[in-house]
Amino acid sequence: MMTEKAFKTPAALAAYAAEHGLDFEQTTPKAIEGEYLDSRYCFIQDGLIVGHGIIDPGLEDDVSAIELVAFAYRCPGCGERHVDNLVWIDDETVKCATCGALYDPNEEV
């Protein structure tokens, strides 16, 4: 699954990029995979986009980043995207630790 990182503030995102030797730029606000993100960033290395970051003011910690699965792979039961709460059971099944739903992330939500 493709992941992106969430940060509480733009400063936390900038610190992460600097620590990993990445440039970053804010993308144009628009709907991406059905989700409106106005604080979405691309991480760039050697002229290539190597990842994405979003700003989530609801995060408790301003320093660390959490990894999120792409919007298309979220839990169909509750919308959970935090990678630590989506546990692979076998090659085709993920269990959501938040709501208990079992699903195949390769099927359309």
PDB file of N, CA and C in Angstrom:
ATOM      1  N   MET A   1       0.839  -1.184   0.000  1.00  0.00           N
ATOM      2  CA  MET A   1       0.000   0.000   0.000  1.00  0.00           C
ATOM      3  C   MET A   1       0.879   1.241   0.000  1.00  0.00           C
ATOM      4  N   MET A   2       0.494   2.200  -0.769  1.00  0.00           N
ATOM      5  CA  MET A   2       1.207   3.465  -0.778  1.00  0.00           C
ATOM      6  C   MET A   2       0.830   4.251   0.471  1.00  0.00           C
ATOM      7  N   THR A   3       1.818   4.847   1.109  1.00  0.00           N
ATOM      8  CA  THR A   3       1.537   5.600   2.320  1.00  0.00           C
ATOM      9  C   THR A   3       1.928   7.053   2.158  1.00  0.00           C
ATOM     10  N   GLU A   4       1.415   7.857   3.042  1.00  0.00           N
ATOM     11  CA  GLU A   4       1.820   9.252   3.146  1.00  0.00           C
ATOM     12  C   GLU A   4       1.988   9.543   4.628  1.00  0.00           C
ATOM     13  N   LYS A   5       2.635  10.620   4.949  1.00  0.00           N
ATOM     14  CA  LYS A   5       2.873  10.971   6.345  1.00  0.00           C
ATOM     15  C   LYS A   5       2.006  12.164   6.715  1.00  0.00           C
ATOM     16  N   ALA A   6       1.552  12.164   7.965  1.00  0.00           N
ATOM     17  CA  ALA A   6       0.751  13.270   8.478  1.00  0.00           C
ATOM     18  C   ALA A   6       1.550  14.003   9.552  1.00  0.00           C
ATOM     19  N   PHE A   7       1.468  15.318   9.544  1.00  0.00           N
ATOM     20  CA  PHE A   7       2.191  16.164  10.491  1.00  0.00           C
ATOM     21  C   PHE A   7       1.210  17.152  11.107  1.00  0.00           C
ATOM     22  N   LYS A   8       1.454  17.533  12.350  1.00  0.00           N
ATOM     23  CA  LYS A   8       0.561  18.482  13.026  1.00  0.00           C
ATOM     24  C   LYS A   8       0.689  19.896  12.445  1.00  0.00           C
ATOM     25  N   THR A   9       1.900  20.284  12.065  1.00  0.00           N
ATOM     26  CA  THR A   9       2.133  21.641  11.571  1.00  0.00           C
ATOM     27  C   THR A   9       3.042  21.616  10.340  1.00  0.00           C
ATOM     28  N   PRO A  10       2.997  22.677   9.539  1.00  0.00           N
ATOM     29  CA  PRO A  10       3.940  22.781   8.425  1.00  0.00           C
ATOM     30  C   PRO A  10       5.398  22.768   8.895  1.00  0.00           C
ATOM     31  N   ALA A  11       5.667  23.326  10.091  1.00  0.00           N
ATOM     32  CA  ALA A  11       7.035  23.328  10.618  1.00  0.00           C
ATOM     33  C   ALA A  11       7.526  21.904  10.872  1.00  0.00           C
ATOM     34  N   ALA A  12       6.643  21.035  11.369  1.00  0.00           N
ATOM     35  CA  ALA A  12       7.022  19.640  11.607  1.00  0.00           C
ATOM     36  C   ALA A  12       7.314  18.944  10.279  1.00  0.00           C
ATOM     37  N   LEU A  13       6.525  19.240   9.260  1.00  0.00           N
ATOM     38  CA  LEU A  13       6.759  18.675   7.928  1.00  0.00           C
ATOM     39  C   LEU A  13       8.109  19.144   7.393  1.00  0.00           C
ATOM     40  N   ALA A  14       8.400  20.428   7.539  1.00  0.00           N
ATOM     41  CA  ALA A  14       9.670  20.980   7.052  1.00  0.00           C
ATOM     42  C   ALA A  14      10.859  20.357   7.783  1.00  0.00           C
ATOM     43  N   ALA A  15      10.716  20.132   9.087  1.00  0.00           N
ATOM     44  CA  ALA A  15      11.798  19.513   9.859  1.00  0.00           C
ATOM     45  C   ALA A  15      12.037  18.083   9.389  1.00  0.00           C
ATOM     46  N   TYR A  16      10.965  17.342   9.119  1.00  0.00           N
ATOM     47  CA  TYR A  16      11.091  15.969   8.612  1.00  0.00           C
ATOM     48  C   TYR A  16      11.824  15.977   7.268  1.00  0.00           C
ATOM     49  N   ALA A  17      11.426  16.877   6.371  1.00  0.00           N
ATOM     50  CA  ALA A  17      12.048  16.953   5.047  1.00  0.00           C
ATOM     51  C   ALA A  17      13.541  17.266   5.171  1.00  0.00           C
ATOM     52  N   ALA A  18      13.876  18.227   6.022  1.00  0.00           N
ATOM     53  CA  ALA A  18      15.285  18.596   6.208  1.00  0.00           C
ATOM     54  C   ALA A  18      16.091  17.424   6.765  1.00  0.00           C
ATOM     55  N   GLU A  19      15.514  16.711   7.726  1.00  0.00           N
ATOM     56  CA  GLU A  19      16.200  15.579   8.347  1.00  0.00           C
ATOM     57  C   GLU A  19      16.490  14.465   7.344  1.00  0.00           C
ATOM     58  N   HIS A  20      15.622  14.319   6.339  1.00  0.00           N
ATOM     59  CA  HIS A  20      15.773  13.254   5.352  1.00  0.00           C
ATOM     60  C   HIS A  20      16.337  13.741   4.013  1.00  0.00           C
ATOM     61  N   GLY A  21      16.794  14.997   3.959  1.00  0.00           N
ATOM     62  CA  GLY A  21      17.407  15.520   2.749  1.00  0.00           C
ATOM     63  C   GLY A  21      16.443  15.683   1.588  1.00  0.00           C
ATOM     64  N   LEU A  22      15.187  16.019   1.907  1.00  0.00           N
ATOM     65  CA  LEU A  22      14.165  16.157   0.877  1.00  0.00           C
ATOM     66  C   LEU A  22      13.746  17.609   0.707  1.00  0.00           C
ATOM     67  N   ASP A  23      13.412  17.957  -0.511  1.00  0.00           N
ATOM     68  CA  ASP A  23      12.734  19.222  -0.758  1.00  0.00           C
ATOM     69  C   ASP A  23      11.244  18.932  -0.666  1.00  0.00           C
ATOM     70  N   PHE A  24      10.431  19.977  -0.549  1.00  0.00           N
ATOM     71  CA  PHE A  24       8.986  19.765  -0.538  1.00  0.00           C
ATOM     72  C   PHE A  24       8.293  20.988  -1.103  1.00  0.00           C
ATOM     73  N   GLU A  25       7.106  20.773  -1.613  1.00  0.00           N
ATOM     74  CA  GLU A  25       6.308  21.891  -2.092  1.00  0.00           C
ATOM     75  C   GLU A  25       4.835  21.573  -1.884  1.00  0.00           C
ATOM     76  N   GLN A  26       4.069  22.621  -1.623  1.00  0.00           N
ATOM     77  CA  GLN A  26       2.636  22.428  -1.431  1.00  0.00           C
ATOM     78  C   GLN A  26       1.988  22.254  -2.795  1.00  0.00           C
ATOM     79  N   THR A  27       1.112  21.296  -2.897  1.00  0.00           N
ATOM     80  CA  THR A  27       0.393  21.082  -4.143  1.00  0.00           C
ATOM     81  C   THR A  27      -0.858  21.949  -4.146  1.00  0.00           C
ATOM     82  N   THR A  28      -1.422  22.138  -5.308  1.00  0.00           N
ATOM     83  CA  THR A  28      -2.628  22.951  -5.441  1.00  0.00           C
ATOM     84  C   THR A  28      -3.782  22.275  -4.719  1.00  0.00           C
ATOM     85  N   PRO A  29      -4.513  23.002  -3.873  1.00  0.00           N
ATOM     86  CA  PRO A  29      -5.668  22.391  -3.206  1.00  0.00           C
ATOM     87  C   PRO A  29      -6.661  21.852  -4.231  1.00  0.00           C
ATOM     88  N   LYS A  30      -7.020  20.591  -4.082  1.00  0.00           N
ATOM     89  CA  LYS A  30      -7.986  19.963  -4.969  1.00  0.00           C
ATOM     90  C   LYS A  30      -8.435  18.637  -4.370  1.00  0.00           C
ATOM     91  N   ALA A  31      -9.463  18.073  -4.937  1.00  0.00           N
ATOM     92  CA  ALA A  31      -9.930  16.770  -4.477  1.00  0.00           C
ATOM     93  C   ALA A  31      -8.992  15.704  -5.027  1.00  0.00           C
ATOM     94  N   ILE A  32      -8.454  14.870  -4.159  1.00  0.00           N
ATOM     95  CA  ILE A  32      -7.575  13.788  -4.556  1.00  0.00           C
ATOM     96  C   ILE A  32      -8.214  12.495  -4.063  1.00  0.00           C
ATOM     97  N   GLU A  33      -8.570  11.616  -4.992  1.00  0.00           N
ATOM     98  CA  GLU A  33      -9.214  10.349  -4.659  1.00  0.00           C
ATOM     99  C   GLU A  33     -10.432  10.574  -3.772  1.00  0.00           C
ATOM    100  N   GLY A  34     -11.211  11.587  -4.072  1.00  0.00           N
ATOM    101  CA  GLY A  34     -12.448  11.831  -3.355  1.00  0.00           C
ATOM    102  C   GLY A  34     -12.299  12.576  -2.042  1.00  0.00           C
ATOM    103  N   GLU A  35     -11.085  12.940  -1.666  1.00  0.00           N
ATOM    104  CA  GLU A  35     -10.860  13.621  -0.397  1.00  0.00           C
ATOM    105  C   GLU A  35     -10.291  15.009  -0.694  1.00  0.00           C
ATOM    106  N   TYR A  36     -10.863  16.047  -0.071  1.00  0.00           N
ATOM    107  CA  TYR A  36     -10.358  17.394  -0.288  1.00  0.00           C
ATOM    108  C   TYR A  36      -9.220  17.669   0.687  1.00  0.00           C
ATOM    109  N   LEU A  37      -8.056  17.895   0.165  1.00  0.00           N
ATOM    110  CA  LEU A  37      -6.889  18.160   0.994  1.00  0.00           C
ATOM    111  C   LEU A  37      -6.321  19.527   0.625  1.00  0.00           C
ATOM    112  N   ASP A  38      -6.389  20.473   1.540  1.00  0.00           N
ATOM    113  CA  ASP A  38      -5.842  21.782   1.220  1.00  0.00           C
ATOM    114  C   ASP A  38      -4.456  21.973   1.820  1.00  0.00           C
ATOM    115  N   SER A  39      -3.964  21.001   2.525  1.00  0.00           N
ATOM    116  CA  SER A  39      -2.633  21.087   3.105  1.00  0.00           C
ATOM    117  C   SER A  39      -1.830  19.851   2.713  1.00  0.00           C
ATOM    118  N   ARG A  40      -1.737  19.606   1.442  1.00  0.00           N
ATOM    119  CA  ARG A  40      -1.039  18.431   0.914  1.00  0.00           C
ATOM    120  C   ARG A  40       0.287  18.875   0.309  1.00  0.00           C
ATOM    121  N   TYR A  41       1.326  18.099   0.572  1.00  0.00           N
ATOM    122  CA  TYR A  41       2.668  18.415   0.103  1.00  0.00           C
ATOM    123  C   TYR A  41       3.274  17.215  -0.617  1.00  0.00           C
ATOM    124  N   CYS A  42       4.197  17.491  -1.520  1.00  0.00           N
ATOM    125  CA  CYS A  42       4.989  16.449  -2.172  1.00  0.00           C
ATOM    126  C   CYS A  42       6.408  16.548  -1.644  1.00  0.00           C
ATOM    127  N   PHE A  43       6.997  15.392  -1.330  1.00  0.00           N
ATOM    128  CA  PHE A  43       8.415  15.346  -0.992  1.00  0.00           C
ATOM    129  C   PHE A  43       9.173  15.049  -2.275  1.00  0.00           C
ATOM    130  N   ILE A  44      10.245  15.795  -2.510  1.00  0.00           N
ATOM    131  CA  ILE A  44      10.978  15.704  -3.772  1.00  0.00           C
ATOM    132  C   ILE A  44      12.445  15.410  -3.492  1.00  0.00           C
ATOM    133  N   GLN A  45      12.981  14.437  -4.249  1.00  0.00           N
ATOM    134  CA  GLN A  45      14.397  14.107  -4.154  1.00  0.00           C
ATOM    135  C   GLN A  45      14.923  13.915  -5.570  1.00  0.00           C
ATOM    136  N   ASP A  46      15.980  14.621  -5.906  1.00  0.00           N
ATOM    137  CA  ASP A  46      16.580  14.555  -7.240  1.00  0.00           C
ATOM    138  C   ASP A  46      15.550  14.832  -8.332  1.00  0.00           C
ATOM    139  N   GLY A  47      14.642  15.768  -8.082  1.00  0.00           N
ATOM    140  CA  GLY A  47      13.655  16.163  -9.080  1.00  0.00           C
ATOM    141  C   GLY A  47      12.460  15.234  -9.204  1.00  0.00           C
ATOM    142  N   LEU A  48      12.406  14.171  -8.409  1.00  0.00           N
ATOM    143  CA  LEU A  48      11.304  13.216  -8.477  1.00  0.00           C
ATOM    144  C   LEU A  48      10.483  13.257  -7.197  1.00  0.00           C
ATOM    145  N   ILE A  49       9.172  13.106  -7.326  1.00  0.00           N
ATOM    146  CA  ILE A  49       8.305  13.027  -6.161  1.00  0.00           C
ATOM    147  C   ILE A  49       8.512  11.662  -5.519  1.00  0.00           C
ATOM    148  N   VAL A  50       8.899  11.652  -4.253  1.00  0.00           N
ATOM    149  CA  VAL A  50       9.193  10.397  -3.562  1.00  0.00           C
ATOM    150  C   VAL A  50       8.212  10.113  -2.421  1.00  0.00           C
ATOM    151  N   GLY A  51       7.253  10.985  -2.204  1.00  0.00           N
ATOM    152  CA  GLY A  51       6.273  10.761  -1.140  1.00  0.00           C
ATOM    153  C   GLY A  51       5.360  11.953  -0.989  1.00  0.00           C
ATOM    154  N   HIS A  52       4.411  11.808  -0.078  1.00  0.00           N
ATOM    155  CA  HIS A  52       3.442  12.869   0.180  1.00  0.00           C
ATOM    156  C   HIS A  52       3.322  13.109   1.677  1.00  0.00           C
ATOM    157  N   GLY A  53       2.951  14.304   2.019  1.00  0.00           N
ATOM    158  CA  GLY A  53       2.689  14.658   3.409  1.00  0.00           C
ATOM    159  C   GLY A  53       1.438  15.508   3.484  1.00  0.00           C
ATOM    160  N   ILE A  54       0.722  15.373   4.587  1.00  0.00           N
ATOM    161  CA  ILE A  54      -0.449  16.212   4.821  1.00  0.00           C
ATOM    162  C   ILE A  54      -0.328  16.834   6.206  1.00  0.00           C
ATOM    163  N   ILE A  55      -1.009  17.945   6.397  1.00  0.00           N
ATOM    164  CA  ILE A  55      -1.047  18.605   7.694  1.00  0.00           C
ATOM    165  C   ILE A  55      -2.351  18.218   8.369  1.00  0.00           C
ATOM    166  N   ASP A  56      -2.259  17.713   9.592  1.00  0.00           N
ATOM    167  CA  ASP A  56      -3.431  17.328  10.377  1.00  0.00           C
ATOM    168  C   ASP A  56      -3.314  17.967  11.753  1.00  0.00           C
ATOM    169  N   PRO A  57      -3.954  19.129  11.952  1.00  0.00           N
ATOM    170  CA  PRO A  57      -3.854  19.832  13.239  1.00  0.00           C
ATOM    171  C   PRO A  57      -4.382  19.017  14.416  1.00  0.00           C
ATOM    172  N   GLY A  58      -5.123  17.950  14.152  1.00  0.00           N
ATOM    173  CA  GLY A  58      -5.676  17.129  15.218  1.00  0.00           C
ATOM    174  C   GLY A  58      -4.686  16.165  15.847  1.00  0.00           C
ATOM    175  N   LEU A  59      -3.495  16.041  15.267  1.00  0.00           N
ATOM    176  CA  LEU A  59      -2.495  15.141  15.843  1.00  0.00           C
ATOM    177  C   LEU A  59      -2.066  15.643  17.215  1.00  0.00           C
ATOM    178  N   GLU A  60      -1.780  14.709  18.102  1.00  0.00           N
ATOM    179  CA  GLU A  60      -1.376  15.078  19.458  1.00  0.00           C
ATOM    180  C   GLU A  60       0.060  15.576  19.526  1.00  0.00           C
ATOM    181  N   ASP A  61       0.928  15.026  18.695  1.00  0.00           N
ATOM    182  CA  ASP A  61       2.357  15.295  18.789  1.00  0.00           C
ATOM    183  C   ASP A  61       2.820  16.133  17.606  1.00  0.00           C
ATOM    184  N   ASP A  62       3.511  17.224  17.888  1.00  0.00           N
ATOM    185  CA  ASP A  62       3.973  18.115  16.831  1.00  0.00           C
ATOM    186  C   ASP A  62       5.271  17.626  16.192  1.00  0.00           C
ATOM    187  N   VAL A  63       5.940  16.681  16.808  1.00  0.00           N
ATOM    188  CA  VAL A  63       7.261  16.285  16.336  1.00  0.00           C
ATOM    189  C   VAL A  63       7.206  15.083  15.403  1.00  0.00           C
ATOM    190  N   SER A  64       6.545  14.013  15.820  1.00  0.00           N
ATOM    191  CA  SER A  64       6.577  12.796  15.024  1.00  0.00           C
ATOM    192  C   SER A  64       5.501  12.785  13.950  1.00  0.00           C
ATOM    193  N   ALA A  65       5.764  12.001  12.933  1.00  0.00           N
ATOM    194  CA  ALA A  65       4.812  11.849  11.842  1.00  0.00           C
ATOM    195  C   ALA A  65       4.147  10.492  11.970  1.00  0.00           C
ATOM    196  N   ILE A  66       2.903  10.392  11.524  1.00  0.00           N
ATOM    197  CA  ILE A  66       2.252   9.094  11.452  1.00  0.00           C
ATOM    198  C   ILE A  66       2.124   8.728   9.984  1.00  0.00           C
ATOM    199  N   GLU A  67       2.115   7.454   9.707  1.00  0.00           N
ATOM    200  CA  GLU A  67       1.959   7.008   8.323  1.00  0.00           C
ATOM    201  C   GLU A  67       0.508   6.655   8.077  1.00  0.00           C
ATOM    202  N   LEU A  68       0.004   7.133   6.957  1.00  0.00           N
ATOM    203  CA  LEU A  68      -1.366   6.868   6.544  1.00  0.00           C
ATOM    204  C   LEU A  68      -1.353   6.091   5.244  1.00  0.00           C
ATOM    205  N   VAL A  69      -2.296   5.160   5.094  1.00  0.00           N
ATOM    206  CA  VAL A  69      -2.442   4.504   3.804  1.00  0.00           C
ATOM    207  C   VAL A  69      -3.139   5.479   2.870  1.00  0.00           C
ATOM    208  N   ALA A  70      -2.984   5.289   1.589  1.00  0.00           N
ATOM    209  CA  ALA A  70      -3.657   6.135   0.607  1.00  0.00           C
ATOM    210  C   ALA A  70      -5.166   6.068   0.832  1.00  0.00           C
ATOM    211  N   PHE A  71      -5.845   7.128   0.492  1.00  0.00           N
ATOM    212  CA  PHE A  71      -7.285   7.243   0.726  1.00  0.00           C
ATOM    213  C   PHE A  71      -8.043   6.053   0.154  1.00  0.00           C
ATOM    214  N   ALA A  72      -7.622   5.549  -0.994  1.00  0.00           N
ATOM    215  CA  ALA A  72      -8.311   4.428  -1.642  1.00  0.00           C
ATOM    216  C   ALA A  72      -8.220   3.136  -0.832  1.00  0.00           C
ATOM    217  N   TYR A  73      -7.236   3.027   0.073  1.00  0.00           N
ATOM    218  CA  TYR A  73      -7.039   1.810   0.861  1.00  0.00           C
ATOM    219  C   TYR A  73      -7.571   1.923   2.286  1.00  0.00           C
ATOM    220  N   ARG A  74      -8.287   2.981   2.582  1.00  0.00           N
ATOM    221  CA  ARG A  74      -8.830   3.190   3.922  1.00  0.00           C
ATOM    222  C   ARG A  74      -9.826   2.084   4.284  1.00  0.00           C
ATOM    223  N   CYS A  75     -10.125   1.961   5.564  1.00  0.00           N
ATOM    224  CA  CYS A  75     -11.113   0.981   6.017  1.00  0.00           C
ATOM    225  C   CYS A  75     -12.491   1.384   5.496  1.00  0.00           C
ATOM    226  N   PRO A  76     -13.197   0.463   4.856  1.00  0.00           N
ATOM    227  CA  PRO A  76     -14.528   0.803   4.354  1.00  0.00           C
ATOM    228  C   PRO A  76     -15.556   0.937   5.477  1.00  0.00           C
ATOM    229  N   GLY A  77     -15.233   0.422   6.658  1.00  0.00           N
ATOM    230  CA  GLY A  77     -16.166   0.499   7.778  1.00  0.00           C
ATOM    231  C   GLY A  77     -16.156   1.839   8.484  1.00  0.00           C
ATOM    232  N   CYS A  78     -14.957   2.357   8.762  1.00  0.00           N
ATOM    233  CA  CYS A  78     -14.877   3.598   9.543  1.00  0.00           C
ATOM    234  C   CYS A  78     -13.987   4.669   8.913  1.00  0.00           C
ATOM    235  N   GLY A  79     -13.309   4.327   7.809  1.00  0.00           N
ATOM    236  CA  GLY A  79     -12.448   5.312   7.153  1.00  0.00           C
ATOM    237  C   GLY A  79     -11.044   5.403   7.733  1.00  0.00           C
ATOM    238  N   GLU A  80     -10.696   4.514   8.645  1.00  0.00           N
ATOM    239  CA  GLU A  80      -9.359   4.528   9.262  1.00  0.00           C
ATOM    240  C   GLU A  80      -8.272   4.462   8.193  1.00  0.00           C
ATOM    241  N   ARG A  81      -7.207   5.292   8.380  1.00  0.00           N
ATOM    242  CA  ARG A  81      -6.087   5.313   7.444  1.00  0.00           C
ATOM    243  C   ARG A  81      -4.739   5.118   8.130  1.00  0.00           C
ATOM    244  N   HIS A  82      -4.690   5.158   9.459  1.00  0.00           N
ATOM    245  CA  HIS A  82      -3.427   5.020  10.195  1.00  0.00           C
ATOM    246  C   HIS A  82      -2.888   3.609   9.984  1.00  0.00           C
ATOM    247  N   VAL A  83      -1.685   3.503   9.436  1.00  0.00           N
ATOM    248  CA  VAL A  83      -1.111   2.215   9.047  1.00  0.00           C
ATOM    249  C   VAL A  83      -0.996   1.250  10.228  1.00  0.00           C
ATOM    250  N   ASP A  84      -0.780   1.752  11.438  1.00  0.00           N
ATOM    251  CA  ASP A  84      -0.658   0.877  12.603  1.00  0.00           C
ATOM    252  C   ASP A  84      -1.992   0.269  13.028  1.00  0.00           C
ATOM    253  N   ASN A  85      -3.105   0.827  12.562  1.00  0.00           N
ATOM    254  CA  ASN A  85      -4.423   0.311  12.918  1.00  0.00           C
ATOM    255  C   ASN A  85      -5.022  -0.588  11.846  1.00  0.00           C
ATOM    256  N   LEU A  86      -4.279  -0.816  10.769  1.00  0.00           N
ATOM    257  CA  LEU A  86      -4.742  -1.682   9.684  1.00  0.00           C
ATOM    258  C   LEU A  86      -3.783  -2.857   9.586  1.00  0.00           C
ATOM    259  N   VAL A  87      -4.227  -4.028  10.064  1.00  0.00           N
ATOM    260  CA  VAL A  87      -3.357  -5.182  10.235  1.00  0.00           C
ATOM    261  C   VAL A  87      -3.627  -6.223   9.154  1.00  0.00           C
ATOM    262  N   TRP A  88      -2.569  -6.625   8.447  1.00  0.00           N
ATOM    263  CA  TRP A  88      -2.701  -7.679   7.437  1.00  0.00           C
ATOM    264  C   TRP A  88      -2.925  -9.011   8.134  1.00  0.00           C
ATOM    265  N   ILE A  89      -4.003  -9.712   7.768  1.00  0.00           N
ATOM    266  CA  ILE A  89      -4.323 -11.027   8.302  1.00  0.00           C
ATOM    267  C   ILE A  89      -3.734 -12.108   7.390  1.00  0.00           C
ATOM    268  N   ASP A  90      -3.888 -11.928   6.085  1.00  0.00           N
ATOM    269  CA  ASP A  90      -3.289 -12.807   5.079  1.00  0.00           C
ATOM    270  C   ASP A  90      -3.040 -11.963   3.830  1.00  0.00           C
ATOM    271  N   ASP A  91      -2.736 -12.603   2.705  1.00  0.00           N
ATOM    272  CA  ASP A  91      -2.381 -11.860   1.491  1.00  0.00           C
ATOM    273  C   ASP A  91      -3.505 -10.987   0.926  1.00  0.00           C
ATOM    274  N   GLU A  92      -4.739 -11.261   1.302  1.00  0.00           N
ATOM    275  CA  GLU A  92      -5.874 -10.525   0.738  1.00  0.00           C
ATOM    276  C   GLU A  92      -6.765  -9.859   1.771  1.00  0.00           C
ATOM    277  N   THR A  93      -6.438  -9.983   3.057  1.00  0.00           N
ATOM    278  CA  THR A  93      -7.342  -9.490   4.084  1.00  0.00           C
ATOM    279  C   THR A  93      -6.633  -8.586   5.080  1.00  0.00           C
ATOM    280  N   VAL A  94      -7.252  -7.434   5.332  1.00  0.00           N
ATOM    281  CA  VAL A  94      -6.779  -6.493   6.342  1.00  0.00           C
ATOM    282  C   VAL A  94      -7.874  -6.371   7.397  1.00  0.00           C
ATOM    283  N   LYS A  95      -7.461  -6.321   8.667  1.00  0.00           N
ATOM    284  CA  LYS A  95      -8.417  -6.105   9.753  1.00  0.00           C
ATOM    285  C   LYS A  95      -8.171  -4.722  10.338  1.00  0.00           C
ATOM    286  N   CYS A  96      -9.242  -3.961  10.471  1.00  0.00           N
ATOM    287  CA  CYS A  96      -9.162  -2.624  11.058  1.00  0.00           C
ATOM    288  C   CYS A  96      -9.246  -2.763  12.579  1.00  0.00           C
ATOM    289  N   ALA A  97      -8.217  -2.302  13.273  1.00  0.00           N
ATOM    290  CA  ALA A  97      -8.198  -2.375  14.732  1.00  0.00           C
ATOM    291  C   ALA A  97      -9.149  -1.360  15.362  1.00  0.00           C
ATOM    292  N   THR A  98      -9.586  -0.380  14.593  1.00  0.00           N
ATOM    293  CA  THR A  98     -10.491   0.634  15.124  1.00  0.00           C
ATOM    294  C   THR A  98     -11.926   0.132  15.204  1.00  0.00           C
ATOM    295  N   CYS A  99     -12.413  -0.495  14.113  1.00  0.00           N
ATOM    296  CA  CYS A  99     -13.819  -0.922  14.086  1.00  0.00           C
ATOM    297  C   CYS A  99     -14.004  -2.430  13.926  1.00  0.00           C
ATOM    298  N   GLY A 100     -12.911  -3.156  13.656  1.00  0.00           N
ATOM    299  CA  GLY A 100     -12.998  -4.604  13.516  1.00  0.00           C
ATOM    300  C   GLY A 100     -13.345  -5.109  12.132  1.00  0.00           C
ATOM    301  N   ALA A 101     -13.541  -4.214  11.176  1.00  0.00           N
ATOM    302  CA  ALA A 101     -13.909  -4.631   9.815  1.00  0.00           C
ATOM    303  C   ALA A 101     -12.776  -5.421   9.166  1.00  0.00           C
ATOM    304  N   LEU A 102     -13.145  -6.446   8.401  1.00  0.00           N
ATOM    305  CA  LEU A 102     -12.213  -7.202   7.572  1.00  0.00           C
ATOM    306  C   LEU A 102     -12.469  -6.812   6.131  1.00  0.00           C
ATOM    307  N   TYR A 103     -11.416  -6.530   5.356  1.00  0.00           N
ATOM    308  CA  TYR A 103     -11.613  -6.144   3.965  1.00  0.00           C
ATOM    309  C   TYR A 103     -10.384  -6.446   3.136  1.00  0.00           C
ATOM    310  N   ASP A 104     -10.618  -6.502   1.828  1.00  0.00           N
ATOM    311  CA  ASP A 104      -9.550  -6.682   0.851  1.00  0.00           C
ATOM    312  C   ASP A 104      -9.199  -5.300   0.319  1.00  0.00           C
ATOM    313  N   PRO A 105      -8.024  -4.758   0.623  1.00  0.00           N
ATOM    314  CA  PRO A 105      -7.681  -3.406   0.172  1.00  0.00           C
ATOM    315  C   PRO A 105      -7.516  -3.288  -1.334  1.00  0.00           C
ATOM    316  N   ASN A 106      -7.472  -4.418  -2.034  1.00  0.00           N
ATOM    317  CA  ASN A 106      -7.333  -4.372  -3.483  1.00  0.00           C
ATOM    318  C   ASN A 106      -8.677  -4.253  -4.188  1.00  0.00           C
ATOM    319  N   GLU A 107      -9.767  -4.380  -3.433  1.00  0.00           N
ATOM    320  CA  GLU A 107     -11.099  -4.175  -3.998  1.00  0.00           C
ATOM    321  C   GLU A 107     -11.483  -2.722  -3.796  1.00  0.00           C
ATOM    322  N   GLU A 108     -12.288  -2.208  -4.724  1.00  0.00           N
ATOM    323  CA  GLU A 108     -12.716  -0.815  -4.605  1.00  0.00           C
ATOM    324  C   GLU A 108     -13.616  -0.632  -3.406  1.00  0.00           C
ATOM    325  N   VAL A 109     -13.397   0.488  -2.690  1.00  0.00           N
ATOM    326  CA  VAL A 109     -14.213   0.829  -1.523  1.00  0.00           C
ATOM    327  C   VAL A 109     -15.483   1.503  -1.964  1.00  0.00           C
TER     328      VAL A 109
END
